[in-house]
Amino acid sequence: MEVNKKQLADIFGASIRTIQNWQEQGMPVLRGGGKGNEVLYDSAAVIKWYAERDAEIENEKLRREVEELRQASETDLQPGTIEYERHRLTRAQADAQELKNARDSAEVVETAFCTFVLSR
């Protein structure tokens, strides 16, 4: 459905200035604009853009939170505590699994095998 700026603002319960800001942020315009020309929007395209933009913003917030928690958890660990040892064990297990996966996919080779082959 084609809507103008005022109608779009009513749909979203936002101000006309907010619609203008969204347009500057990449909200799709159907046609119009410029001096004296009314801007028209495809409401379905704008709603899709808004939902994608909202999801991207939320994902970025979550990424930052996870990174902050990860950094905090590593720096707050005190050597000798159970949490510290649990963290070391988990990290060692993850590293071992990565090495096993790399060996299974032939990305790395056993040192003993290389030594045997090269000594011949």
PDB file of N, CA and C in Angstrom:
ATOM      1  N   MET A   1       0.840  -1.164   0.000  1.00  0.00           N
ATOM      2  CA  MET A   1       0.000   0.000   0.000  1.00  0.00           C
ATOM      3  C   MET A   1       0.899   1.245   0.000  1.00  0.00           C
ATOM      4  N   GLU A   2       0.619   2.165  -0.883  1.00  0.00           N
ATOM      5  CA  GLU A   2       1.369   3.416  -0.955  1.00  0.00           C
ATOM      6  C   GLU A   2       0.881   4.367   0.126  1.00  0.00           C
ATOM      7  N   VAL A   3       1.826   4.906   0.884  1.00  0.00           N
ATOM      8  CA  VAL A   3       1.480   5.858   1.940  1.00  0.00           C
ATOM      9  C   VAL A   3       2.452   7.034   1.888  1.00  0.00           C
ATOM     10  N   ASN A   4       1.982   8.172   2.398  1.00  0.00           N
ATOM     11  CA  ASN A   4       2.876   9.326   2.483  1.00  0.00           C
ATOM     12  C   ASN A   4       3.537   9.341   3.862  1.00  0.00           C
ATOM     13  N   LYS A   5       4.333  10.343   4.108  1.00  0.00           N
ATOM     14  CA  LYS A   5       5.107  10.430   5.347  1.00  0.00           C
ATOM     15  C   LYS A   5       4.204  10.486   6.577  1.00  0.00           C
ATOM     16  N   LYS A   6       3.123  11.262   6.510  1.00  0.00           N
ATOM     17  CA  LYS A   6       2.198  11.408   7.643  1.00  0.00           C
ATOM     18  C   LYS A   6       1.505  10.085   7.937  1.00  0.00           C
ATOM     19  N   GLN A   7       1.037   9.404   6.878  1.00  0.00           N
ATOM     20  CA  GLN A   7       0.363   8.118   7.070  1.00  0.00           C
ATOM     21  C   GLN A   7       1.323   7.080   7.652  1.00  0.00           C
ATOM     22  N   LEU A   8       2.564   7.097   7.166  1.00  0.00           N
ATOM     23  CA  LEU A   8       3.556   6.154   7.677  1.00  0.00           C
ATOM     24  C   LEU A   8       3.853   6.431   9.152  1.00  0.00           C
ATOM     25  N   ALA A   9       3.933   7.699   9.507  1.00  0.00           N
ATOM     26  CA  ALA A   9       4.149   8.065  10.913  1.00  0.00           C
ATOM     27  C   ALA A   9       2.995   7.563  11.773  1.00  0.00           C
ATOM     28  N   ASP A  10       1.769   7.660  11.265  1.00  0.00           N
ATOM     29  CA  ASP A  10       0.601   7.165  12.001  1.00  0.00           C
ATOM     30  C   ASP A  10       0.650   5.646  12.155  1.00  0.00           C
ATOM     31  N   ILE A  11       1.064   4.950  11.104  1.00  0.00           N
ATOM     32  CA  ILE A  11       1.152   3.483  11.157  1.00  0.00           C
ATOM     33  C   ILE A  11       2.101   3.050  12.270  1.00  0.00           C
ATOM     34  N   PHE A  12       3.254   3.716  12.360  1.00  0.00           N
ATOM     35  CA  PHE A  12       4.260   3.337  13.348  1.00  0.00           C
ATOM     36  C   PHE A  12       4.075   4.030  14.693  1.00  0.00           C
ATOM     37  N   GLY A  13       3.160   4.985  14.767  1.00  0.00           N
ATOM     38  CA  GLY A  13       3.003   5.737  16.009  1.00  0.00           C
ATOM     39  C   GLY A  13       4.247   6.558  16.301  1.00  0.00           C
ATOM     40  N   ALA A  14       4.841   7.083  15.246  1.00  0.00           N
ATOM     41  CA  ALA A  14       6.088   7.846  15.360  1.00  0.00           C
ATOM     42  C   ALA A  14       5.866   9.252  14.817  1.00  0.00           C
ATOM     43  N   SER A  15       6.846  10.093  15.043  1.00  0.00           N
ATOM     44  CA  SER A  15       6.763  11.459  14.521  1.00  0.00           C
ATOM     45  C   SER A  15       7.259  11.499  13.076  1.00  0.00           C
ATOM     46  N   ILE A  16       6.909  12.564  12.389  1.00  0.00           N
ATOM     47  CA  ILE A  16       7.379  12.748  11.015  1.00  0.00           C
ATOM     48  C   ILE A  16       8.904  12.864  11.012  1.00  0.00           C
ATOM     49  N   ARG A  17       9.460  13.490  12.033  1.00  0.00           N
ATOM     50  CA  ARG A  17      10.923  13.611  12.126  1.00  0.00           C
ATOM     51  C   ARG A  17      11.573  12.231  12.223  1.00  0.00           C
ATOM     52  N   THR A  18      10.951  11.306  12.959  1.00  0.00           N
ATOM     53  CA  THR A  18      11.471   9.940  13.053  1.00  0.00           C
ATOM     54  C   THR A  18      11.469   9.280  11.682  1.00  0.00           C
ATOM     55  N   ILE A  19      10.395   9.473  10.928  1.00  0.00           N
ATOM     56  CA  ILE A  19      10.318   8.913   9.574  1.00  0.00           C
ATOM     57  C   ILE A  19      11.443   9.487   8.712  1.00  0.00           C
ATOM     58  N   GLN A  20      11.695  10.778   8.839  1.00  0.00           N
ATOM     59  CA  GLN A  20      12.790  11.400   8.086  1.00  0.00           C
ATOM     60  C   GLN A  20      14.140  10.805   8.497  1.00  0.00           C
ATOM     61  N   ASN A  21      14.322  10.590   9.786  1.00  0.00           N
ATOM     62  CA  ASN A  21      15.567   9.971  10.263  1.00  0.00           C
ATOM     63  C   ASN A  21      15.725   8.566   9.704  1.00  0.00           C
ATOM     64  N   TRP A  22      14.642   7.787   9.706  1.00  0.00           N
ATOM     65  CA  TRP A  22      14.696   6.437   9.157  1.00  0.00           C
ATOM     66  C   TRP A  22      15.055   6.465   7.678  1.00  0.00           C
ATOM     67  N   GLN A  23      14.490   7.430   6.973  1.00  0.00           N
ATOM     68  CA  GLN A  23      14.781   7.549   5.546  1.00  0.00           C
ATOM     69  C   GLN A  23      16.277   7.806   5.340  1.00  0.00           C
ATOM     70  N   GLU A  24      16.861   8.636   6.191  1.00  0.00           N
ATOM     71  CA  GLU A  24      18.301   8.902   6.119  1.00  0.00           C
ATOM     72  C   GLU A  24      19.116   7.664   6.460  1.00  0.00           C
ATOM     73  N   GLN A  25      18.532   6.752   7.235  1.00  0.00           N
ATOM     74  CA  GLN A  25      19.218   5.523   7.627  1.00  0.00           C
ATOM     75  C   GLN A  25      19.035   4.402   6.607  1.00  0.00           C
ATOM     76  N   GLY A  26      18.323   4.680   5.524  1.00  0.00           N
ATOM     77  CA  GLY A  26      18.195   3.685   4.468  1.00  0.00           C
ATOM     78  C   GLY A  26      16.817   3.093   4.276  1.00  0.00           C
ATOM     79  N   MET A  27      15.809   3.630   4.929  1.00  0.00           N
ATOM     80  CA  MET A  27      14.456   3.134   4.736  1.00  0.00           C
ATOM     81  C   MET A  27      14.067   3.312   3.266  1.00  0.00           C
ATOM     82  N   PRO A  28      13.474   2.279   2.654  1.00  0.00           N
ATOM     83  CA  PRO A  28      13.167   2.369   1.222  1.00  0.00           C
ATOM     84  C   PRO A  28      12.069   3.387   0.899  1.00  0.00           C
ATOM     85  N   VAL A  29      12.279   4.113  -0.186  1.00  0.00           N
ATOM     86  CA  VAL A  29      11.325   5.103  -0.686  1.00  0.00           C
ATOM     87  C   VAL A  29      10.765   4.565  -1.993  1.00  0.00           C
ATOM     88  N   LEU A  30       9.451   4.626  -2.141  1.00  0.00           N
ATOM     89  CA  LEU A  30       8.829   4.161  -3.379  1.00  0.00           C
ATOM     90  C   LEU A  30       9.081   5.159  -4.496  1.00  0.00           C
ATOM     91  N   ARG A  31       8.771   6.407  -4.238  1.00  0.00           N
ATOM     92  CA  ARG A  31       9.046   7.456  -5.228  1.00  0.00           C
ATOM     93  C   ARG A  31       8.818   8.824  -4.608  1.00  0.00           C
ATOM     94  N   GLY A  32       9.261   9.815  -5.322  1.00  0.00           N
ATOM     95  CA  GLY A  32       9.070  11.189  -4.873  1.00  0.00           C
ATOM     96  C   GLY A  32      10.292  11.722  -4.170  1.00  0.00           C
ATOM     97  N   GLY A  33      10.084  12.793  -3.474  1.00  0.00           N
ATOM     98  CA  GLY A  33      11.175  13.451  -2.781  1.00  0.00           C
ATOM     99  C   GLY A  33      11.666  14.633  -3.587  1.00  0.00           C
ATOM    100  N   GLY A  34      12.586  15.328  -3.038  1.00  0.00           N
ATOM    101  CA  GLY A  34      13.069  16.519  -3.706  1.00  0.00           C
ATOM    102  C   GLY A  34      12.199  17.705  -3.351  1.00  0.00           C
ATOM    103  N   LYS A  35      12.526  18.821  -3.904  1.00  0.00           N
ATOM    104  CA  LYS A  35      11.839  20.058  -3.558  1.00  0.00           C
ATOM    105  C   LYS A  35      10.394  20.047  -4.063  1.00  0.00           C
ATOM    106  N   GLY A  36       9.457  20.110  -3.147  1.00  0.00           N
ATOM    107  CA  GLY A  36       8.051  20.208  -3.494  1.00  0.00           C
ATOM    108  C   GLY A  36       7.378  18.902  -3.869  1.00  0.00           C
ATOM    109  N   ASN A  37       8.111  17.799  -3.918  1.00  0.00           N
ATOM    110  CA  ASN A  37       7.522  16.502  -4.267  1.00  0.00           C
ATOM    111  C   ASN A  37       7.297  15.677  -3.008  1.00  0.00           C
ATOM    112  N   GLU A  38       6.084  15.181  -2.857  1.00  0.00           N
ATOM    113  CA  GLU A  38       5.755  14.353  -1.704  1.00  0.00           C
ATOM    114  C   GLU A  38       6.435  12.989  -1.843  1.00  0.00           C
ATOM    115  N   VAL A  39       7.012  12.525  -0.756  1.00  0.00           N
ATOM    116  CA  VAL A  39       7.652  11.211  -0.747  1.00  0.00           C
ATOM    117  C   VAL A  39       6.582  10.166  -0.468  1.00  0.00           C
ATOM    118  N   LEU A  40       6.588   9.102  -1.257  1.00  0.00           N
ATOM    119  CA  LEU A  40       5.660   7.994  -1.051  1.00  0.00           C
ATOM    120  C   LEU A  40       6.453   6.737  -0.707  1.00  0.00           C
ATOM    121  N   TYR A  41       5.847   5.926   0.148  1.00  0.00           N
ATOM    122  CA  TYR A  41       6.500   4.713   0.637  1.00  0.00           C
ATOM    123  C   TYR A  41       5.596   3.519   0.381  1.00  0.00           C
ATOM    124  N   ASP A  42       6.206   2.356   0.170  1.00  0.00           N
ATOM    125  CA  ASP A  42       5.475   1.093   0.118  1.00  0.00           C
ATOM    126  C   ASP A  42       5.472   0.565   1.552  1.00  0.00           C
ATOM    127  N   SER A  43       4.304   0.550   2.171  1.00  0.00           N
ATOM    128  CA  SER A  43       4.233   0.212   3.598  1.00  0.00           C
ATOM    129  C   SER A  43       4.803  -1.179   3.886  1.00  0.00           C
ATOM    130  N   ALA A  44       4.578  -2.151   3.005  1.00  0.00           N
ATOM    131  CA  ALA A  44       5.103  -3.503   3.226  1.00  0.00           C
ATOM    132  C   ALA A  44       6.630  -3.503   3.220  1.00  0.00           C
ATOM    133  N   ALA A  45       7.225  -2.772   2.274  1.00  0.00           N
ATOM    134  CA  ALA A  45       8.690  -2.703   2.197  1.00  0.00           C
ATOM    135  C   ALA A  45       9.267  -2.002   3.417  1.00  0.00           C
ATOM    136  N   VAL A  46       8.582  -0.962   3.881  1.00  0.00           N
ATOM    137  CA  VAL A  46       9.065  -0.229   5.054  1.00  0.00           C
ATOM    138  C   VAL A  46       8.960  -1.103   6.300  1.00  0.00           C
ATOM    139  N   ILE A  47       7.867  -1.830   6.446  1.00  0.00           N
ATOM    140  CA  ILE A  47       7.707  -2.712   7.607  1.00  0.00           C
ATOM    141  C   ILE A  47       8.786  -3.789   7.596  1.00  0.00           C
ATOM    142  N   LYS A  48       9.061  -4.350   6.419  1.00  0.00           N
ATOM    143  CA  LYS A  48      10.125  -5.359   6.293  1.00  0.00           C
ATOM    144  C   LYS A  48      11.467  -4.745   6.686  1.00  0.00           C
ATOM    145  N   TRP A  49      11.765  -3.556   6.164  1.00  0.00           N
ATOM    146  CA  TRP A  49      13.016  -2.864   6.495  1.00  0.00           C
ATOM    147  C   TRP A  49      13.114  -2.621   8.001  1.00  0.00           C
ATOM    148  N   TYR A  50      12.022  -2.168   8.592  1.00  0.00           N
ATOM    149  CA  TYR A  50      12.006  -1.870  10.022  1.00  0.00           C
ATOM    150  C   TYR A  50      12.278  -3.131  10.843  1.00  0.00           C
ATOM    151  N   ALA A  51      11.639  -4.247  10.474  1.00  0.00           N
ATOM    152  CA  ALA A  51      11.828  -5.500  11.208  1.00  0.00           C
ATOM    153  C   ALA A  51      13.275  -5.981  11.099  1.00  0.00           C
ATOM    154  N   GLU A  52      13.851  -5.906   9.898  1.00  0.00           N
ATOM    155  CA  GLU A  52      15.239  -6.328   9.706  1.00  0.00           C
ATOM    156  C   GLU A  52      16.191  -5.427  10.486  1.00  0.00           C
ATOM    157  N   ARG A  53      15.935  -4.130  10.436  1.00  0.00           N
ATOM    158  CA  ARG A  53      16.765  -3.158  11.159  1.00  0.00           C
ATOM    159  C   ARG A  53      16.683  -3.411  12.655  1.00  0.00           C
ATOM    160  N   ASP A  54      15.485  -3.649  13.150  1.00  0.00           N
ATOM    161  CA  ASP A  54      15.282  -3.910  14.569  1.00  0.00           C
ATOM    162  C   ASP A  54      16.029  -5.179  14.994  1.00  0.00           C
ATOM    163  N   ALA A  55      15.958  -6.222  14.158  1.00  0.00           N
ATOM    164  CA  ALA A  55      16.662  -7.475  14.464  1.00  0.00           C
ATOM    165  C   ALA A  55      18.173  -7.264  14.470  1.00  0.00           C
ATOM    166  N   GLU A  56      18.687  -6.490  13.517  1.00  0.00           N
ATOM    167  CA  GLU A  56      20.126  -6.211  13.468  1.00  0.00           C
ATOM    168  C   GLU A  56      20.580  -5.455  14.712  1.00  0.00           C
ATOM    169  N   ILE A  57      19.796  -4.484  15.128  1.00  0.00           N
ATOM    170  CA  ILE A  57      20.137  -3.713  16.329  1.00  0.00           C
ATOM    171  C   ILE A  57      20.155  -4.627  17.549  1.00  0.00           C
ATOM    172  N   GLU A  58      19.161  -5.486  17.667  1.00  0.00           N
ATOM    173  CA  GLU A  58      19.082  -6.402  18.808  1.00  0.00           C
ATOM    174  C   GLU A  58      20.245  -7.392  18.790  1.00  0.00           C
ATOM    175  N   ASN A  59      20.570  -7.927  17.610  1.00  0.00           N
ATOM    176  CA  ASN A  59      21.693  -8.859  17.504  1.00  0.00           C
ATOM    177  C   ASN A  59      23.008  -8.198  17.894  1.00  0.00           C
ATOM    178  N   GLU A  60      23.198  -6.972  17.477  1.00  0.00           N
ATOM    179  CA  GLU A  60      24.427  -6.246  17.825  1.00  0.00           C
ATOM    180  C   GLU A  60      24.514  -6.026  19.331  1.00  0.00           C
ATOM    181  N   LYS A  61      23.383  -5.698  19.963  1.00  0.00           N
ATOM    182  CA  LYS A  61      23.371  -5.531  21.419  1.00  0.00           C
ATOM    183  C   LYS A  61      23.749  -6.841  22.107  1.00  0.00           C
ATOM    184  N   LEU A  62      23.178  -7.950  21.627  1.00  0.00           N
ATOM    185  CA  LEU A  62      23.476  -9.252  22.224  1.00  0.00           C
ATOM    186  C   LEU A  62      24.937  -9.627  22.026  1.00  0.00           C
ATOM    187  N   ARG A  63      25.484  -9.361  20.825  1.00  0.00           N
ATOM    188  CA  ARG A  63      26.902  -9.649  20.577  1.00  0.00           C
ATOM    189  C   ARG A  63      27.792  -8.882  21.557  1.00  0.00           C
ATOM    190  N   ARG A  64      27.472  -7.606  21.749  1.00  0.00           N
ATOM    191  CA  ARG A  64      28.265  -6.795  22.677  1.00  0.00           C
ATOM    192  C   ARG A  64      28.158  -7.329  24.105  1.00  0.00           C
ATOM    193  N   GLU A  65      26.938  -7.712  24.520  1.00  0.00           N
ATOM    194  CA  GLU A  65      26.748  -8.243  25.868  1.00  0.00           C
ATOM    195  C   GLU A  65      27.537  -9.527  26.064  1.00  0.00           C
ATOM    196  N   VAL A  66      27.487 -10.421  25.074  1.00  0.00           N
ATOM    197  CA  VAL A  66      28.219 -11.683  25.169  1.00  0.00           C
ATOM    198  C   VAL A  66      29.715 -11.417  25.263  1.00  0.00           C
ATOM    199  N   GLU A  67      30.216 -10.509  24.437  1.00  0.00           N
ATOM    200  CA  GLU A  67      31.646 -10.181  24.463  1.00  0.00           C
ATOM    201  C   GLU A  67      32.046  -9.572  25.803  1.00  0.00           C
ATOM    202  N   GLU A  68      31.208  -8.687  26.337  1.00  0.00           N
ATOM    203  CA  GLU A  68      31.500  -8.090  27.645  1.00  0.00           C
ATOM    204  C   GLU A  68      31.504  -9.147  28.742  1.00  0.00           C
ATOM    205  N   LEU A  69      30.534 -10.074  28.688  1.00  0.00           N
ATOM    206  CA  LEU A  69      30.488 -11.148  29.683  1.00  0.00           C
ATOM    207  C   LEU A  69      31.705 -12.052  29.560  1.00  0.00           C
ATOM    208  N   ARG A  70      32.087 -12.347  28.322  1.00  0.00           N
ATOM    209  CA  ARG A  70      33.247 -13.206  28.097  1.00  0.00           C
ATOM    210  C   ARG A  70      34.508 -12.550  28.666  1.00  0.00           C
ATOM    211  N   GLN A  71      34.681 -11.267  28.380  1.00  0.00           N
ATOM    212  CA  GLN A  71      35.859 -10.559  28.891  1.00  0.00           C
ATOM    213  C   GLN A  71      35.827 -10.470  30.411  1.00  0.00           C
ATOM    214  N   ALA A  72      34.663 -10.185  30.956  1.00  0.00           N
ATOM    215  CA  ALA A  72      34.534 -10.069  32.410  1.00  0.00           C
ATOM    216  C   ALA A  72      34.789 -11.405  33.086  1.00  0.00           C
ATOM    217  N   SER A  73      34.268 -12.477  32.497  1.00  0.00           N
ATOM    218  CA  SER A  73      34.430 -13.787  33.131  1.00  0.00           C
ATOM    219  C   SER A  73      35.888 -14.216  33.135  1.00  0.00           C
ATOM    220  N   GLU A  74      36.632 -13.879  32.082  1.00  0.00           N
ATOM    221  CA  GLU A  74      38.035 -14.272  32.038  1.00  0.00           C
ATOM    222  C   GLU A  74      38.891 -13.424  32.972  1.00  0.00           C
ATOM    223  N   THR A  75      38.575 -12.155  33.101  1.00  0.00           N
ATOM    224  CA  THR A  75      39.399 -11.289  33.949  1.00  0.00           C
ATOM    225  C   THR A  75      39.035 -11.412  35.421  1.00  0.00           C
ATOM    226  N   ASP A  76      37.818 -11.834  35.728  1.00  0.00           N
ATOM    227  CA  ASP A  76      37.392 -11.952  37.120  1.00  0.00           C
ATOM    228  C   ASP A  76      37.823 -13.264  37.766  1.00  0.00           C
ATOM    229  N   LEU A  77      38.316 -14.195  36.971  1.00  0.00           N
ATOM    230  CA  LEU A  77      38.707 -15.487  37.520  1.00  0.00           C
ATOM    231  C   LEU A  77      39.989 -15.356  38.337  1.00  0.00           C
ATOM    232  N   GLN A  78      39.955 -15.924  39.521  1.00  0.00           N
ATOM    233  CA  GLN A  78      41.116 -15.909  40.409  1.00  0.00           C
ATOM    234  C   GLN A  78      41.770 -17.283  40.385  1.00  0.00           C
ATOM    235  N   PRO A  79      43.077 -17.349  40.100  1.00  0.00           N
ATOM    236  CA  PRO A  79      43.765 -18.645  40.106  1.00  0.00           C
ATOM    237  C   PRO A  79      43.556 -19.366  41.429  1.00  0.00           C
ATOM    238  N   GLY A  80      43.328 -20.664  41.317  1.00  0.00           N
ATOM    239  CA  GLY A  80      43.124 -21.481  42.503  1.00  0.00           C
ATOM    240  C   GLY A  80      41.668 -21.687  42.870  1.00  0.00           C
ATOM    241  N   THR A  81      40.762 -20.887  42.307  1.00  0.00           N
ATOM    242  CA  THR A  81      39.341 -21.065  42.619  1.00  0.00           C
ATOM    243  C   THR A  81      38.752 -22.141  41.719  1.00  0.00           C
ATOM    244  N   ILE A  82      37.645 -22.680  42.150  1.00  0.00           N
ATOM    245  CA  ILE A  82      36.989 -23.730  41.374  1.00  0.00           C
ATOM    246  C   ILE A  82      36.532 -23.206  40.015  1.00  0.00           C
ATOM    247  N   GLU A  83      36.061 -21.947  39.976  1.00  0.00           N
ATOM    248  CA  GLU A  83      35.620 -21.358  38.710  1.00  0.00           C
ATOM    249  C   GLU A  83      36.785 -21.234  37.732  1.00  0.00           C
ATOM    250  N   TYR A  84      37.946 -20.843  38.249  1.00  0.00           N
ATOM    251  CA  TYR A  84      39.137 -20.706  37.413  1.00  0.00           C
ATOM    252  C   TYR A  84      39.524 -22.057  36.820  1.00  0.00           C
ATOM    253  N   GLU A  85      39.542 -23.095  37.664  1.00  0.00           N
ATOM    254  CA  GLU A  85      39.916 -24.434  37.191  1.00  0.00           C
ATOM    255  C   GLU A  85      38.879 -24.978  36.208  1.00  0.00           C
ATOM    256  N   ARG A  86      37.612 -24.705  36.467  1.00  0.00           N
ATOM    257  CA  ARG A  86      36.557 -25.140  35.554  1.00  0.00           C
ATOM    258  C   ARG A  86      36.722 -24.453  34.193  1.00  0.00           C
ATOM    259  N   HIS A  87      37.042 -23.168  34.229  1.00  0.00           N
ATOM    260  CA  HIS A  87      37.268 -22.416  32.988  1.00  0.00           C
ATOM    261  C   HIS A  87      38.458 -22.995  32.226  1.00  0.00           C
ATOM    262  N   ARG A  88      39.557 -23.281  32.921  1.00  0.00           N
ATOM    263  CA  ARG A  88      40.740 -23.867  32.273  1.00  0.00           C
ATOM    264  C   ARG A  88      40.409 -25.219  31.656  1.00  0.00           C
ATOM    265  N   LEU A  89      39.662 -26.048  32.398  1.00  0.00           N
ATOM    266  CA  LEU A  89      39.296 -27.369  31.896  1.00  0.00           C
ATOM    267  C   LEU A  89      38.418 -27.257  30.656  1.00  0.00           C
ATOM    268  N   THR A  90      37.425 -26.397  30.709  1.00  0.00           N
ATOM    269  CA  THR A  90      36.528 -26.209  29.562  1.00  0.00           C
ATOM    270  C   THR A  90      37.297 -25.725  28.347  1.00  0.00           C
ATOM    271  N   ARG A  91      38.190 -24.774  28.562  1.00  0.00           N
ATOM    272  CA  ARG A  91      38.993 -24.250  27.455  1.00  0.00           C
ATOM    273  C   ARG A  91      39.915 -25.341  26.889  1.00  0.00           C
ATOM    274  N   ALA A  92      40.534 -26.145  27.761  1.00  0.00           N
ATOM    275  CA  ALA A  92      41.411 -27.228  27.311  1.00  0.00           C
ATOM    276  C   ALA A  92      40.620 -28.270  26.523  1.00  0.00           C
ATOM    277  N   GLN A  93      39.417 -28.594  26.993  1.00  0.00           N
ATOM    278  CA  GLN A  93      38.583 -29.554  26.270  1.00  0.00           C
ATOM    279  C   GLN A  93      38.195 -29.018  24.899  1.00  0.00           C
ATOM    280  N   ALA A  94      37.875 -27.742  24.824  1.00  0.00           N
ATOM    281  CA  ALA A  94      37.520 -27.137  23.536  1.00  0.00           C
ATOM    282  C   ALA A  94      38.715 -27.149  22.591  1.00  0.00           C
ATOM    283  N   ASP A  95      39.895 -26.819  23.104  1.00  0.00           N
ATOM    284  CA  ASP A  95      41.106 -26.848  22.274  1.00  0.00           C
ATOM    285  C   ASP A  95      41.396 -28.260  21.777  1.00  0.00           C
ATOM    286  N   ALA A  96      41.245 -29.247  22.667  1.00  0.00           N
ATOM    287  CA  ALA A  96      41.492 -30.640  22.282  1.00  0.00           C
ATOM    288  C   ALA A  96      40.508 -31.090  21.208  1.00  0.00           C
ATOM    289  N   GLN A  97      39.261 -30.697  21.331  1.00  0.00           N
ATOM    290  CA  GLN A  97      38.264 -31.072  20.331  1.00  0.00           C
ATOM    291  C   GLN A  97      38.567 -30.416  18.991  1.00  0.00           C
ATOM    292  N   GLU A  98      38.999 -29.159  19.015  1.00  0.00           N
ATOM    293  CA  GLU A  98      39.370 -28.484  17.769  1.00  0.00           C
ATOM    294  C   GLU A  98      40.535 -29.188  17.094  1.00  0.00           C
ATOM    295  N   LEU A  99      41.528 -29.602  17.886  1.00  0.00           N
ATOM    296  CA  LEU A  99      42.675 -30.319  17.332  1.00  0.00           C
ATOM    297  C   LEU A  99      42.248 -31.663  16.757  1.00  0.00           C
ATOM    298  N   LYS A 100      41.369 -32.367  17.462  1.00  0.00           N
ATOM    299  CA  LYS A 100      40.871 -33.655  16.967  1.00  0.00           C
ATOM    300  C   LYS A 100      40.121 -33.467  15.652  1.00  0.00           C
ATOM    301  N   ASN A 101      39.283 -32.442  15.573  1.00  0.00           N
ATOM    302  CA  ASN A 101      38.548 -32.174  14.332  1.00  0.00           C
ATOM    303  C   ASN A 101      39.501 -31.842  13.194  1.00  0.00           C
ATOM    304  N   ALA A 102      40.541 -31.065  13.483  1.00  0.00           N
ATOM    305  CA  ALA A 102      41.528 -30.718  12.454  1.00  0.00           C
ATOM    306  C   ALA A 102      42.278 -31.959  12.000  1.00  0.00           C
ATOM    307  N   ARG A 103      42.613 -32.863  12.936  1.00  0.00           N
ATOM    308  CA  ARG A 103      43.301 -34.108  12.585  1.00  0.00           C
ATOM    309  C   ARG A 103      42.387 -34.996  11.741  1.00  0.00           C
ATOM    310  N   ASP A 104      41.111 -35.093  12.120  1.00  0.00           N
ATOM    311  CA  ASP A 104      40.160 -35.922  11.371  1.00  0.00           C
ATOM    312  C   ASP A 104      39.943 -35.408   9.955  1.00  0.00           C
ATOM    313  N   SER A 105      40.026 -34.099   9.769  1.00  0.00           N
ATOM    314  CA  SER A 105      39.827 -33.531   8.429  1.00  0.00           C
ATOM    315  C   SER A 105      41.153 -33.358   7.684  1.00  0.00           C
ATOM    316  N   ALA A 106      42.231 -33.925   8.229  1.00  0.00           N
ATOM    317  CA  ALA A 106      43.565 -33.917   7.619  1.00  0.00           C
ATOM    318  C   ALA A 106      44.139 -32.508   7.476  1.00  0.00           C
ATOM    319  N   GLU A 107      43.728 -31.602   8.328  1.00  0.00           N
ATOM    320  CA  GLU A 107      44.320 -30.263   8.333  1.00  0.00           C
ATOM    321  C   GLU A 107      45.645 -30.268   9.081  1.00  0.00           C
ATOM    322  N   VAL A 108      45.790 -31.195  10.030  1.00  0.00           N
ATOM    323  CA  VAL A 108      47.044 -31.359  10.764  1.00  0.00           C
ATOM    324  C   VAL A 108      47.407 -32.840  10.772  1.00  0.00           C
ATOM    325  N   VAL A 109      48.700 -33.117  11.019  1.00  0.00           N
ATOM    326  CA  VAL A 109      49.195 -34.493  11.020  1.00  0.00           C
ATOM    327  C   VAL A 109      49.936 -34.721  12.333  1.00  0.00           C
ATOM    328  N   GLU A 110      49.890 -35.966  12.824  1.00  0.00           N
ATOM    329  CA  GLU A 110      50.586 -36.323  14.054  1.00  0.00           C
ATOM    330  C   GLU A 110      52.090 -36.097  13.906  1.00  0.00           C
ATOM    331  N   THR A 111      52.722 -35.589  14.941  1.00  0.00           N
ATOM    332  CA  THR A 111      54.159 -35.331  14.925  1.00  0.00           C
ATOM    333  C   THR A 111      54.947 -36.627  14.753  1.00  0.00           C
ATOM    334  N   ALA A 112      54.529 -37.685  15.435  1.00  0.00           N
ATOM    335  CA  ALA A 112      55.233 -38.968  15.340  1.00  0.00           C
ATOM    336  C   ALA A 112      55.219 -39.489  13.905  1.00  0.00           C
ATOM    337  N   PHE A 113      54.106 -39.344  13.228  1.00  0.00           N
ATOM    338  CA  PHE A 113      54.011 -39.790  11.841  1.00  0.00           C
ATOM    339  C   PHE A 113      54.958 -38.987  10.951  1.00  0.00           C
ATOM    340  N   CYS A 114      54.992 -37.682  11.139  1.00  0.00           N
ATOM    341  CA  CYS A 114      55.887 -36.822  10.344  1.00  0.00           C
ATOM    342  C   CYS A 114      57.346 -37.190  10.592  1.00  0.00           C
ATOM    343  N   THR A 115      57.698 -37.426  11.852  1.00  0.00           N
ATOM    344  CA  THR A 115      59.073 -37.797  12.187  1.00  0.00           C
ATOM    345  C   THR A 115      59.447 -39.106  11.516  1.00  0.00           C
ATOM    346  N   PHE A 116      58.549 -40.082  11.549  1.00  0.00           N
ATOM    347  CA  PHE A 116      58.787 -41.380  10.922  1.00  0.00           C
ATOM    348  C   PHE A 116      58.985 -41.226   9.414  1.00  0.00           C
ATOM    349  N   VAL A 117      58.102 -40.493   8.758  1.00  0.00           N
ATOM    350  CA  VAL A 117      58.172 -40.322   7.304  1.00  0.00           C
ATOM    351  C   VAL A 117      59.434 -39.562   6.910  1.00  0.00           C
ATOM    352  N   LEU A 118      59.772 -38.530   7.639  1.00  0.00           N
ATOM    353  CA  LEU A 118      60.931 -37.710   7.290  1.00  0.00           C
ATOM    354  C   LEU A 118      62.264 -38.399   7.591  1.00  0.00           C
ATOM    355  N   SER A 119      62.251 -39.369   8.484  1.00  0.00           N
ATOM    356  CA  SER A 119      63.495 -40.068   8.818  1.00  0.00           C
ATOM    357  C   SER A 119      63.858 -41.119   7.781  1.00  0.00           C
ATOM    358  N   ARG A 120      63.013 -41.463   6.892  1.00  0.00           N
ATOM    359  CA  ARG A 120      63.272 -42.496   5.882  1.00  0.00           C
ATOM    360  C   ARG A 120      64.021 -41.956   4.731  1.00  0.00           C
TER     361      ARG A 120
END
